[in-house]
Amino acid sequence: MKDSLRFVELLLAVSLIVLILMQSRGTSLGSVFGQEGSVFHTRRGAERILFNVTIGIGLAFLVISLALAHVAG
């Protein structure tokens, strides 16, 4: 049980890293320091799906981490 939770946690962690990096590809270096190159826009299409999947994977990571802490402790 503990090993399977660790494997799932590792898989979710890698997936979360990849999803976050995919979202930040379109930004420029200026946005890192607080400069916005464009006005606010709503997420549409694939960008919205990617955003929602990232939230879901993040929540799943949190749940698995808490479950792993409960099993270990």
C-alpha atoms as a PDB file:
ATOM      1  CA  MET A   1       0.000   0.000   0.000  1.00  0.00           C
ATOM      2  CA  LYS A   2       2.729   2.446   0.986  1.00  0.00           C
ATOM      3  CA  ASP A   3       4.824   1.703  -2.100  1.00  0.00           C
ATOM      4  CA  SER A   4       1.882   2.169  -4.446  1.00  0.00           C
ATOM      5  CA  LEU A   5       1.049   5.526  -2.846  1.00  0.00           C
ATOM      6  CA  ARG A   6       4.666   6.624  -3.228  1.00  0.00           C
ATOM      7  CA  PHE A   7       4.626   5.637  -6.900  1.00  0.00           C
ATOM      8  CA  VAL A   8       1.384   7.530  -7.520  1.00  0.00           C
ATOM      9  CA  GLU A   9       2.770  10.553  -5.679  1.00  0.00           C
ATOM     10  CA  LEU A  10       5.915  10.503  -7.825  1.00  0.00           C
ATOM     11  CA  LEU A  11       3.844  10.192 -10.994  1.00  0.00           C
ATOM     12  CA  LEU A  12       1.609  13.093  -9.959  1.00  0.00           C
ATOM     13  CA  ALA A  13       4.612  15.244  -9.019  1.00  0.00           C
ATOM     14  CA  VAL A  14       6.246  14.772 -12.408  1.00  0.00           C
ATOM     15  CA  SER A  15       2.922  15.389 -14.168  1.00  0.00           C
ATOM     16  CA  LEU A  16       2.381  18.573 -12.177  1.00  0.00           C
ATOM     17  CA  ILE A  17       5.847  19.881 -13.033  1.00  0.00           C
ATOM     18  CA  VAL A  18       5.302  19.201 -16.735  1.00  0.00           C
ATOM     19  CA  LEU A  19       1.858  20.845 -16.737  1.00  0.00           C
ATOM     20  CA  ILE A  20       3.143  23.972 -14.987  1.00  0.00           C
ATOM     21  CA  LEU A  21       6.057  24.278 -17.398  1.00  0.00           C
ATOM     22  CA  MET A  22       3.692  23.899 -20.357  1.00  0.00           C
ATOM     23  CA  GLN A  23       1.621  26.826 -19.103  1.00  0.00           C
ATOM     24  CA  SER A  24       4.540  29.212 -18.664  1.00  0.00           C
ATOM     25  CA  ARG A  25       6.068  28.721 -22.123  1.00  0.00           C
ATOM     26  CA  GLY A  26       4.252  31.664 -23.654  1.00  0.00           C
ATOM     27  CA  THR A  27       5.457  34.190 -21.101  1.00  0.00           C
ATOM     28  CA  SER A  28       8.396  36.450 -21.635  1.00  0.00           C
ATOM     29  CA  LEU A  29      11.240  37.209 -19.250  1.00  0.00           C
ATOM     30  CA  GLY A  30       9.669  40.555 -18.399  1.00  0.00           C
ATOM     31  CA  SER A  31       6.636  38.887 -16.865  1.00  0.00           C
ATOM     32  CA  VAL A  32       8.899  37.190 -14.329  1.00  0.00           C
ATOM     33  CA  PHE A  33       9.665  40.597 -12.844  1.00  0.00           C
ATOM     34  CA  GLY A  34       6.067  41.775 -12.832  1.00  0.00           C
ATOM     35  CA  GLN A  35       5.770  43.379 -16.245  1.00  0.00           C
ATOM     36  CA  GLU A  36       2.756  42.335 -18.242  1.00  0.00           C
ATOM     37  CA  GLY A  37       3.078  42.361 -21.986  1.00  0.00           C
ATOM     38  CA  SER A  38      -0.629  42.083 -22.659  1.00  0.00           C
ATOM     39  CA  VAL A  39      -3.951  42.917 -21.076  1.00  0.00           C
ATOM     40  CA  PHE A  40      -5.928  40.412 -19.021  1.00  0.00           C
ATOM     41  CA  HIS A  41      -7.621  37.735 -21.084  1.00  0.00           C
ATOM     42  CA  THR A  42      -9.859  34.806 -20.311  1.00  0.00           C
ATOM     43  CA  ARG A  43      -8.645  31.279 -20.833  1.00  0.00           C
ATOM     44  CA  ARG A  44     -10.204  29.531 -23.799  1.00  0.00           C
ATOM     45  CA  GLY A  45      -9.859  26.212 -25.522  1.00  0.00           C
ATOM     46  CA  ALA A  46      -6.782  24.150 -24.790  1.00  0.00           C
ATOM     47  CA  GLU A  47      -5.395  26.745 -22.378  1.00  0.00           C
ATOM     48  CA  ARG A  48      -8.485  26.413 -20.186  1.00  0.00           C
ATOM     49  CA  ILE A  49      -8.367  22.619 -20.273  1.00  0.00           C
ATOM     50  CA  LEU A  50      -4.668  22.656 -19.364  1.00  0.00           C
ATOM     51  CA  PHE A  51      -5.377  25.039 -16.473  1.00  0.00           C
ATOM     52  CA  ASN A  52      -8.208  22.879 -15.111  1.00  0.00           C
ATOM     53  CA  VAL A  53      -6.185  19.666 -15.456  1.00  0.00           C
ATOM     54  CA  THR A  54      -3.324  21.320 -13.541  1.00  0.00           C
ATOM     55  CA  ILE A  55      -5.694  22.175 -10.700  1.00  0.00           C
ATOM     56  CA  GLY A  56      -7.032  18.619 -10.658  1.00  0.00           C
ATOM     57  CA  ILE A  57      -3.561  17.074 -10.619  1.00  0.00           C
ATOM     58  CA  GLY A  58      -2.532  19.467  -7.833  1.00  0.00           C
ATOM     59  CA  LEU A  59      -5.520  18.470  -5.707  1.00  0.00           C
ATOM     60  CA  ALA A  60      -4.862  14.783  -6.369  1.00  0.00           C
ATOM     61  CA  PHE A  61      -1.243  15.296  -5.310  1.00  0.00           C
ATOM     62  CA  LEU A  62      -2.417  16.915  -2.079  1.00  0.00           C
ATOM     63  CA  VAL A  63      -4.822  14.053  -1.313  1.00  0.00           C
ATOM     64  CA  ILE A  64      -2.233  11.373  -2.039  1.00  0.00           C
ATOM     65  CA  SER A  65       0.360  13.200   0.084  1.00  0.00           C
ATOM     66  CA  LEU A  66      -2.041  13.380   3.011  1.00  0.00           C
ATOM     67  CA  ALA A  67      -2.948   9.707   2.586  1.00  0.00           C
ATOM     68  CA  LEU A  68       0.731   8.763   2.514  1.00  0.00           C
ATOM     69  CA  ALA A  69       1.371  10.786   5.672  1.00  0.00           C
ATOM     70  CA  HIS A  70      -1.570   9.057   7.367  1.00  0.00           C
ATOM     71  CA  VAL A  71      -0.353   5.579   6.390  1.00  0.00           C
ATOM     72  CA  ALA A  72       3.237   6.337   7.413  1.00  0.00           C
ATOM     73  CA  GLY A  73       2.316   7.857  10.764  1.00  0.00           C
END
